[in-house]
Protein backbone atom coordinates (compact mmCIF):
# COMPACT_ATOMS: atom_id res chain seq x y z
CA UNK A 1 130.01 91.12 119.81
CA UNK A 2 127.03 91.07 122.18
CA UNK A 3 127.30 93.68 124.91
CA UNK A 4 126.18 93.74 128.53
CA UNK A 5 122.95 95.30 129.80
CA UNK A 6 122.14 98.93 128.99
CA UNK A 7 122.36 101.11 132.10
CA UNK A 8 122.52 104.79 133.03
CA UNK A 9 121.06 107.58 130.95
CA UNK A 10 121.45 108.95 127.43
CA UNK A 11 120.20 111.80 125.24
CA UNK A 12 119.47 111.28 121.56
CA UNK A 13 119.94 114.01 118.92
CA UNK A 14 117.27 116.70 118.47
CA UNK A 15 114.28 116.33 116.18
CA UNK A 16 115.00 117.61 112.66
CA UNK A 17 111.48 118.87 111.86
CA UNK A 18 111.35 120.96 115.04
CA UNK A 19 114.94 122.22 114.59
CA UNK A 20 114.09 123.72 111.16
CA UNK A 21 110.94 125.40 112.43
CA UNK A 22 112.51 126.84 115.60
CA UNK A 23 115.05 128.80 113.50
CA UNK A 24 112.48 129.98 110.94
CA UNK A 25 109.92 131.17 113.49
CA UNK A 26 112.62 132.64 115.73
CA UNK A 27 113.72 134.74 112.73
CA UNK A 28 110.14 136.06 112.38
CA UNK A 29 109.69 136.97 116.05
CA UNK A 30 110.86 140.35 117.36
CA UNK A 31 113.50 139.78 120.05
CA UNK A 32 115.78 136.88 120.97
CA UNK A 33 114.73 133.23 120.66
CA UNK A 34 117.06 130.78 122.41
CA UNK A 35 117.24 127.22 121.12
CA UNK A 36 119.00 124.27 122.77
CA UNK A 37 119.28 120.69 121.53
CA UNK A 38 119.24 121.85 117.89
CA UNK A 39 120.12 119.11 115.40
CA UNK A 40 123.24 120.53 113.74
CA UNK A 41 123.00 118.54 110.51
CA UNK A 42 123.61 120.07 107.08
CA UNK A 43 119.89 120.48 106.35
CA UNK A 44 119.22 122.58 109.46
CA UNK A 45 122.36 124.63 108.89
CA UNK A 46 121.04 125.49 105.39
CA UNK A 47 117.89 126.91 107.05
CA UNK A 48 120.04 128.94 109.49
CA UNK A 49 122.15 130.38 106.66
CA UNK A 50 119.03 131.35 104.68
CA UNK A 51 117.42 133.20 107.61
CA UNK A 52 120.73 134.99 108.22
CA UNK A 53 120.80 136.07 104.55
CA UNK A 54 117.33 137.61 105.03
CA UNK A 55 118.29 139.81 107.96
CA UNK A 56 117.93 137.70 111.11
CA UNK A 57 120.88 137.28 113.47
CA UNK A 58 121.36 133.52 113.81
CA UNK A 59 124.37 132.50 115.92
CA UNK A 60 125.69 129.29 117.39
CA UNK A 61 126.65 129.89 121.01
CA UNK A 62 127.54 126.32 122.02
CA UNK A 63 126.93 122.66 121.16
CA UNK A 64 123.31 122.56 119.96
CA UNK A 65 122.75 126.03 121.50
CA UNK A 66 121.67 128.85 119.19
CA UNK A 67 120.52 132.45 119.55
CA UNK A 68 118.12 133.92 116.96
CA UNK A 69 117.36 137.67 116.89
CA UNK A 70 114.30 137.96 114.65
CA UNK A 71 113.20 140.80 112.37
CA UNK A 72 109.40 140.40 112.69
CA UNK A 73 106.78 139.06 110.28
CA UNK A 74 106.80 141.13 107.09
CA UNK A 75 110.31 142.50 107.64
CA UNK A 76 112.49 139.92 105.89
CA UNK A 77 115.14 141.52 103.68
CA UNK A 78 115.90 140.57 100.09
CA UNK A 79 118.94 138.25 100.17
CA UNK A 80 121.96 139.62 98.30
CA UNK A 81 122.83 136.19 96.88
CA UNK A 82 120.86 133.09 95.81
CA UNK A 83 120.10 130.77 98.79
CA UNK A 84 121.94 127.43 98.78
CA UNK A 85 119.58 124.76 100.14
CA UNK A 86 122.07 121.88 99.79
CA UNK A 87 120.00 118.67 99.94
CA UNK A 88 117.18 119.95 102.16
CA UNK A 89 113.69 119.61 100.70
CA UNK A 90 112.15 120.71 104.01
CA UNK A 91 114.12 123.98 104.08
CA UNK A 92 113.26 124.72 100.46
CA UNK A 93 109.52 124.09 100.62
CA UNK A 94 108.97 125.86 103.95
CA UNK A 95 111.10 128.88 102.97
CA UNK A 96 109.31 129.20 99.62
CA UNK A 97 106.12 129.64 101.66
CA UNK A 98 107.75 132.11 104.02
CA UNK A 99 109.16 134.45 101.33
CA UNK A 100 106.16 134.23 98.99
CA UNK A 101 104.18 136.84 100.96
CA UNK A 102 107.08 139.26 101.56
CA UNK A 103 107.86 142.03 99.05
CA UNK A 104 111.22 140.49 98.11
CA UNK A 105 112.67 138.39 95.30
CA UNK A 106 114.46 135.21 96.37
CA UNK A 107 116.40 132.66 94.31
CA UNK A 108 116.85 129.09 95.57
CA UNK A 109 119.31 126.47 94.35
CA UNK A 110 120.48 123.10 95.69
CA UNK A 111 122.60 120.03 94.99
CA UNK A 112 121.90 117.60 92.15
CA UNK A 113 119.56 115.45 94.24
CA UNK A 114 117.46 118.40 95.47
CA UNK A 115 117.41 119.90 91.96
CA UNK A 116 115.73 116.71 90.74
CA UNK A 117 112.76 117.08 93.12
CA UNK A 118 109.64 118.84 91.80
CA UNK A 119 108.36 121.85 93.77
CA UNK A 120 105.04 122.16 91.90
CA UNK A 121 103.00 121.02 94.90
CA UNK A 122 104.14 124.16 96.75
CA UNK A 123 104.14 126.51 93.74
CA UNK A 124 100.41 125.89 93.05
CA UNK A 125 98.91 127.21 96.31
CA UNK A 126 101.50 129.99 96.70
CA UNK A 127 100.70 131.24 93.17
CA UNK A 128 97.03 131.43 94.19
CA UNK A 129 98.12 133.74 97.02
CA UNK A 130 99.75 136.08 94.48
CA UNK A 131 103.42 135.01 94.41
CA UNK A 132 105.17 134.70 91.03
CA UNK A 133 107.60 131.88 90.22
CA UNK A 134 110.28 131.33 87.63
CA UNK A 135 111.27 127.69 87.95
CA UNK A 136 113.48 125.35 85.97
CA UNK A 137 111.80 122.74 83.79
CA UNK A 138 109.21 120.64 85.66
CA UNK A 139 108.90 123.12 88.53
CA UNK A 140 112.41 122.34 89.80
CA UNK A 141 115.36 124.27 91.27
CA UNK A 142 117.04 126.66 90.55
CA UNK A 143 113.90 128.73 91.11
CA UNK A 144 113.04 132.38 91.79
CA UNK A 145 110.12 133.55 93.96
CA UNK A 146 108.75 137.09 93.66
CA UNK A 147 106.70 137.67 96.76
CA UNK A 148 103.19 139.16 96.76
CA UNK A 149 102.50 142.08 99.06
CA UNK A 150 99.73 142.29 100.00
CA UNK A 151 99.04 138.59 99.40
CA UNK A 152 95.56 137.10 99.09
CA UNK A 153 94.32 134.66 101.76
CA UNK A 154 93.15 131.34 100.29
CA UNK A 155 91.33 128.20 101.36
CA UNK A 156 93.43 125.30 100.09
CA UNK A 157 92.56 121.60 100.16
CA UNK A 158 95.71 119.50 99.96
CA UNK A 159 95.49 117.15 96.95
CA UNK A 160 97.89 114.75 98.74
CA UNK A 161 98.70 114.58 102.44
CA UNK A 162 101.97 116.49 102.89
CA UNK A 163 103.21 118.19 106.05
CA UNK A 164 105.65 120.27 103.96
CA UNK A 165 102.99 121.71 101.61
CA UNK A 166 100.68 122.39 104.56
CA UNK A 167 103.48 124.15 106.43
CA UNK A 168 104.46 126.26 103.39
CA UNK A 169 100.89 127.60 103.04
CA UNK A 170 100.57 128.29 106.80
CA UNK A 171 103.91 130.15 106.84
CA UNK A 172 102.79 132.19 103.80
CA UNK A 173 99.61 133.00 105.72
CA UNK A 174 101.57 134.67 108.54
CA UNK A 175 102.12 137.81 106.43
CA UNK A 176 98.78 137.71 104.56
CA UNK A 177 95.85 139.91 105.69
CA UNK A 178 92.85 137.87 106.90
CA UNK A 179 92.55 134.13 107.43
CA UNK A 180 94.46 131.48 105.45
CA UNK A 181 92.87 128.00 105.57
CA UNK A 182 94.38 124.59 104.82
CA UNK A 183 92.16 121.49 104.62
CA UNK A 184 93.96 118.22 105.23
CA UNK A 185 92.31 115.00 103.94
CA UNK A 186 94.52 112.78 106.14
CA UNK A 187 96.44 113.95 109.21
CA UNK A 188 100.17 114.59 108.78
CA UNK A 189 102.87 115.64 111.29
CA UNK A 190 101.61 118.71 113.11
CA UNK A 191 104.88 120.29 114.26
CA UNK A 192 104.15 123.54 112.39
CA UNK A 193 100.74 124.04 113.98
CA UNK A 194 102.05 123.39 117.48
CA UNK A 195 105.05 125.67 117.12
CA UNK A 196 103.13 128.51 115.44
CA UNK A 197 100.79 128.48 118.43
CA UNK A 198 103.76 128.34 120.80
CA UNK A 199 105.13 131.53 119.19
CA UNK A 200 101.77 133.24 119.63
CA UNK A 201 100.15 132.96 116.20
CA UNK A 202 96.34 132.79 116.15
CA UNK A 203 95.83 129.28 114.78
CA UNK A 204 92.86 126.93 115.09
CA UNK A 205 92.42 123.28 114.14
CA UNK A 206 89.03 121.60 113.86
CA UNK A 207 87.77 118.28 112.55
CA UNK A 208 85.05 118.59 109.90
CA UNK A 209 83.67 115.51 108.11
CA UNK A 210 86.80 113.51 108.90
CA UNK A 211 89.15 116.23 107.60
CA UNK A 212 91.37 118.63 109.55
CA UNK A 213 90.69 122.31 108.89
CA UNK A 214 93.58 124.56 109.94
CA UNK A 215 93.20 128.35 109.98
CA UNK A 216 95.86 130.97 110.69
CA UNK A 217 95.26 134.71 111.07
CA UNK A 218 97.74 136.82 109.14
CA UNK A 219 99.75 139.92 110.00
CA UNK A 220 100.82 137.96 113.05
CA UNK A 221 103.10 139.26 115.78
CA UNK A 222 105.25 136.38 116.95
CA UNK A 223 106.80 136.41 120.44
CA UNK A 224 110.37 135.11 120.96
CA UNK A 225 110.60 131.78 122.78
CA UNK A 226 113.01 129.59 124.71
CA UNK A 227 112.97 126.22 122.95
CA UNK A 228 114.52 122.94 124.06
CA UNK A 229 114.28 120.81 120.92
CA UNK A 230 112.96 117.37 121.95
CA UNK A 231 115.04 114.29 121.20
CA UNK A 232 114.04 112.60 117.95
CA UNK A 233 111.62 109.71 118.69
CA UNK A 234 112.94 107.82 115.64
CA UNK A 235 116.45 107.90 117.14
CA UNK A 236 115.23 106.95 120.64
CA UNK A 237 113.47 103.90 119.16
CA UNK A 238 116.69 101.87 118.79
CA UNK A 239 117.63 102.37 122.44
CA UNK A 240 114.12 101.59 123.68
CA UNK A 241 114.15 98.22 121.93
CA UNK A 242 117.75 97.47 122.98
CA UNK A 243 116.91 98.02 126.67
CA UNK A 244 113.73 95.90 126.40
CA UNK A 245 115.49 92.85 124.85
CA UNK A 246 118.84 92.77 126.71
CA UNK A 247 118.45 91.12 130.17
CA UNK A 248 119.35 93.30 133.16
CA UNK A 249 118.88 96.58 131.27
CA UNK A 250 117.45 99.73 132.85
CA UNK A 251 118.00 102.84 130.70
CA UNK A 252 116.76 106.41 131.07
CA UNK A 253 116.38 108.21 127.70
CA UNK A 254 116.09 111.92 128.42
CA UNK A 255 113.94 114.52 126.64
CA UNK A 256 112.14 112.38 124.02
CA UNK A 257 109.48 114.01 121.81
CA UNK A 258 106.16 112.16 122.17
CA UNK A 259 104.07 113.96 119.54
CA UNK A 260 101.17 111.54 118.86
CA UNK A 261 101.75 111.81 115.08
CA UNK A 262 105.24 110.33 115.69
CA UNK A 263 105.14 108.12 118.80
CA UNK A 264 103.28 104.97 117.70
CA UNK A 265 106.19 102.67 118.63
CA UNK A 266 105.90 103.42 122.36
CA UNK A 267 102.23 102.34 122.27
CA UNK A 268 103.00 99.11 120.35
CA UNK A 269 105.93 98.10 122.60
CA UNK A 270 103.72 98.62 125.67
CA UNK A 271 101.05 96.40 124.09
CA UNK A 272 103.76 93.72 123.81
CA UNK A 273 104.43 94.03 127.56
CA UNK A 274 107.36 96.44 127.40
CA UNK A 275 108.06 98.46 130.54
CA UNK A 276 108.38 102.08 129.31
CA UNK A 277 107.66 104.67 131.98
CA UNK A 278 107.19 108.39 131.23
CA UNK A 279 108.91 110.57 133.83
CA UNK A 280 108.81 114.37 134.08
CA UNK A 281 106.17 114.68 131.31
CA UNK A 282 106.02 118.28 130.10
CA UNK A 283 105.26 120.50 127.13
CA UNK A 284 108.05 122.37 125.32
CA UNK A 285 107.25 124.72 122.43
CA UNK A 286 103.81 123.15 122.18
CA UNK A 287 105.28 119.62 121.92
CA UNK A 288 104.73 116.82 124.47
CA UNK A 289 108.07 115.61 125.88
CA UNK A 290 109.11 113.15 128.61
CA UNK A 291 112.07 111.19 129.95
CA UNK A 292 111.56 107.47 129.21
CA UNK A 293 112.66 104.84 131.74
CA UNK A 294 112.93 101.52 129.86
CA UNK A 295 113.51 98.18 131.61
CA UNK A 296 114.18 94.71 130.25
CA UNK A 297 110.81 92.99 129.72
CA UNK A 298 109.42 89.63 128.57
CA UNK A 299 107.70 90.69 125.34
CA UNK A 300 104.64 88.97 123.83
CA UNK A 301 103.92 88.77 120.10
CA UNK A 302 100.88 90.76 118.91
CA UNK A 303 98.98 91.63 115.75
CA UNK A 304 100.03 95.22 115.09
CA UNK A 305 97.09 97.44 114.12
CA UNK A 306 97.83 98.81 110.61
CA UNK A 307 96.22 102.13 111.66
CA UNK A 308 99.31 102.97 113.78
CA UNK A 309 101.67 102.59 110.80
CA UNK A 310 101.82 106.30 109.80
CA UNK A 311 102.91 107.32 113.33
CA UNK A 312 105.85 104.85 113.36
CA UNK A 313 106.66 104.12 109.72
CA UNK A 314 110.43 104.57 110.26
CA UNK A 315 110.43 102.45 113.43
CA UNK A 316 109.29 99.14 111.93
CA UNK A 317 112.82 97.80 111.26
CA UNK A 318 113.61 97.94 114.99
CA UNK A 319 110.11 96.73 115.97
CA UNK A 320 110.81 93.61 113.86
CA UNK A 321 113.88 93.03 116.07
CA UNK A 322 111.73 93.24 119.23
CA UNK A 323 109.27 90.78 117.66
CA UNK A 324 112.11 88.33 116.88
CA UNK A 325 112.84 88.09 120.64
CA UNK A 326 109.23 88.04 121.90
CA UNK A 327 107.15 85.05 122.99
CA UNK A 328 104.81 83.88 120.20
CA UNK A 329 103.92 85.40 116.85
CA UNK A 330 103.89 89.06 115.75
CA UNK A 331 101.98 89.93 112.58
CA UNK A 332 102.28 93.27 110.75
CA UNK A 333 100.27 94.43 107.74
CA UNK A 334 99.52 97.59 105.75
CA UNK A 335 103.23 98.34 105.33
CA UNK A 336 103.42 98.70 101.52
CA UNK A 337 105.20 102.06 102.01
CA UNK A 338 108.22 100.28 103.54
CA UNK A 339 109.01 98.81 100.12
CA UNK A 340 109.81 102.31 98.75
CA UNK A 341 112.00 103.73 101.54
CA UNK A 342 115.81 104.03 101.32
CA UNK A 343 115.59 100.29 100.55
CA UNK A 344 112.76 97.71 100.41
CA UNK A 345 112.71 97.50 104.20
CA UNK A 346 110.36 94.49 104.35
CA UNK A 347 112.50 92.15 102.25
CA UNK A 348 115.77 93.60 103.60
CA UNK A 349 114.73 93.08 107.26
CA UNK A 350 113.28 89.63 106.53
CA UNK A 351 116.62 88.57 104.98
CA UNK A 352 118.71 90.24 107.71
CA UNK A 353 116.79 88.64 110.60
CA UNK A 354 116.78 85.24 108.89
CA UNK A 355 120.58 85.46 108.50
CA UNK A 356 120.76 86.15 112.26
CA UNK A 357 118.66 83.04 113.08
CA UNK A 358 115.16 84.51 113.47
CA UNK A 359 112.04 82.86 111.98
CA UNK A 360 110.47 85.33 109.57
CA UNK A 361 107.84 85.00 106.83
CA UNK A 362 107.49 87.85 104.33
CA UNK A 363 103.99 88.62 103.03
CA UNK A 364 102.92 91.25 100.51
CA UNK A 365 102.36 94.11 102.97
CA UNK A 366 104.17 93.02 106.14
CA UNK A 367 106.16 90.40 108.04
CA UNK A 368 105.07 87.50 110.26
CA UNK A 369 107.71 86.83 112.91
CA UNK A 370 107.91 83.81 115.26
CA UNK A 371 109.65 85.05 118.39
CA UNK A 372 112.44 83.26 120.25
CA UNK A 373 110.70 83.62 123.61
CA UNK A 374 113.56 85.77 124.90
CA UNK A 375 116.30 83.31 123.93
CA UNK A 376 119.21 85.08 122.21
CA UNK A 377 119.29 84.90 118.42
CA UNK A 378 122.03 82.73 116.92
CA UNK A 379 123.79 85.71 115.35
CA UNK A 380 125.65 85.86 112.07
CA UNK A 381 129.14 84.59 112.75
CA UNK A 382 129.63 83.27 109.22
CA UNK A 383 127.68 85.80 107.16
CA UNK A 384 127.45 89.57 106.98
CA UNK A 385 123.97 91.05 107.09
CA UNK A 386 123.17 93.14 104.00
CA UNK A 387 122.01 96.67 104.92
CA UNK A 388 121.43 97.91 101.33
CA UNK A 389 123.04 101.22 102.44
CA UNK A 390 119.96 101.85 104.62
CA UNK A 391 120.84 103.53 107.93
CA UNK A 392 117.77 102.19 109.80
CA UNK A 393 118.49 98.58 108.84
CA UNK A 394 122.12 98.96 109.95
CA UNK A 395 121.04 100.37 113.34
CA UNK A 396 118.22 97.83 113.84
CA UNK A 397 120.61 94.92 113.24
CA UNK A 398 123.23 96.48 115.56
CA UNK A 399 120.52 96.34 118.26
CA UNK A 400 119.69 92.72 117.35
CA UNK A 401 123.38 91.89 117.76
CA UNK A 402 123.20 92.83 121.46
CA UNK A 403 120.70 89.98 121.97
CA UNK A 404 122.57 87.32 119.97
CA UNK A 405 125.05 84.58 120.88
CA UNK A 406 127.68 85.25 118.22
CA UNK A 407 127.03 88.94 117.50
CA UNK A 408 125.84 90.29 114.15
CA UNK A 409 128.12 91.79 111.56
CA UNK A 410 126.62 94.21 109.03
CA UNK A 411 128.17 94.82 105.62
CA UNK A 412 128.41 98.63 105.95
CA UNK A 413 127.94 100.96 108.92
CA UNK A 414 128.78 104.17 107.02
CA UNK A 415 125.13 105.14 106.28
CA UNK A 416 124.56 105.47 110.07
CA UNK A 417 126.85 108.52 110.12
CA UNK A 418 124.62 110.53 107.78
CA UNK A 419 121.56 110.39 110.01
CA UNK A 420 122.81 109.57 113.54
CA UNK A 421 126.59 110.07 113.78
CA UNK A 422 126.76 109.43 117.55
CA UNK A 423 124.71 106.19 117.46
CA UNK A 424 127.60 103.75 117.94
CA UNK A 425 129.23 105.85 120.68
CA UNK A 426 125.92 106.11 122.59
CA UNK A 427 125.33 102.36 122.26
CA UNK A 428 128.87 101.54 123.44
CA UNK A 429 128.50 103.94 126.37
CA UNK A 430 125.19 102.47 127.48
CA UNK A 431 126.45 98.87 127.37
CA UNK A 432 129.84 99.56 128.96
């Protein structure tokens, strides 16, 4: 059922991309790196276990609090057993880069889903640096990497924009004499560059002819850090929209990562008239972070610039909810990628919001939404909203339910637990 206003303050779980990298780079620094706010999901724990198997001391000392005693760049040990990557593509691709320039042999395996994903995009550049690979058919796991030492620095232009391939090459460059260069045709998430710099690597980024040219100097000596992992902006998004659309709300969301490659939603909600104030803005581990004070606001419909889509691609389901309660029309376009996410998020959100009483028109590459002018949605008393097992649709419609007369019932909330297990408890706590 609809809840009351959202008050008080909350913290959302830590950012997954930054959690992985803080453990990896901590294991390559000499001395103790302390990490708080780590996202303790299975993927990040697979990274921790792998670094432990290669000689780093990686220990959990409290909830989200970890201590990493690193061995230094170039000093990773050969693991005694194959490394189990579970379902984590990020761990696998980044660690393949890391071990490919150490004089060790490493075998990777994973679950059935991970074993179906091709690793060729990473194998190609790392082979050019001198590493040797024995992969299963189609460049898949299980896979063995024989590291090159000394490795050869390369200049590599990414054939497709991929933060994981870029990161793998940069991590390989840490233990390669000379300068390793990656040329990026379109910008991708830059967490690796920021954190490498934070740990003291010599890394430069320049724009040349509309491309990003990233250079890292090898044989790096990384310095241990104290890292507070920022809250995941994709998780904060649901609470931002909830506080904007539920009358009487004033919610402080602490420690939210505002990396510009990730924070497009904040910009769009402000364009709609949303009151989102940044308090205590700071930089942590090279990442911009702030506490966000969000107050109920009368939102206006806008035409969303398709150029912001890459920096908020996962946040559109909940933006559609904000649009459904705004004054006037919101138009979105350039969102073809949403049709190939965990579900077809355009048609799934159009159907879900229509079931709840919103006025939505689906077009080929976006949605056109006629807002209610702040009036609560009807809700879905007689019909369950179909989530298509997509966690973001389930959470977006839970937020819509707070601003509805009859509440909104979704067909399955279980997918929420895989990505954001504390979502429902945080929402209940904020509306109590």
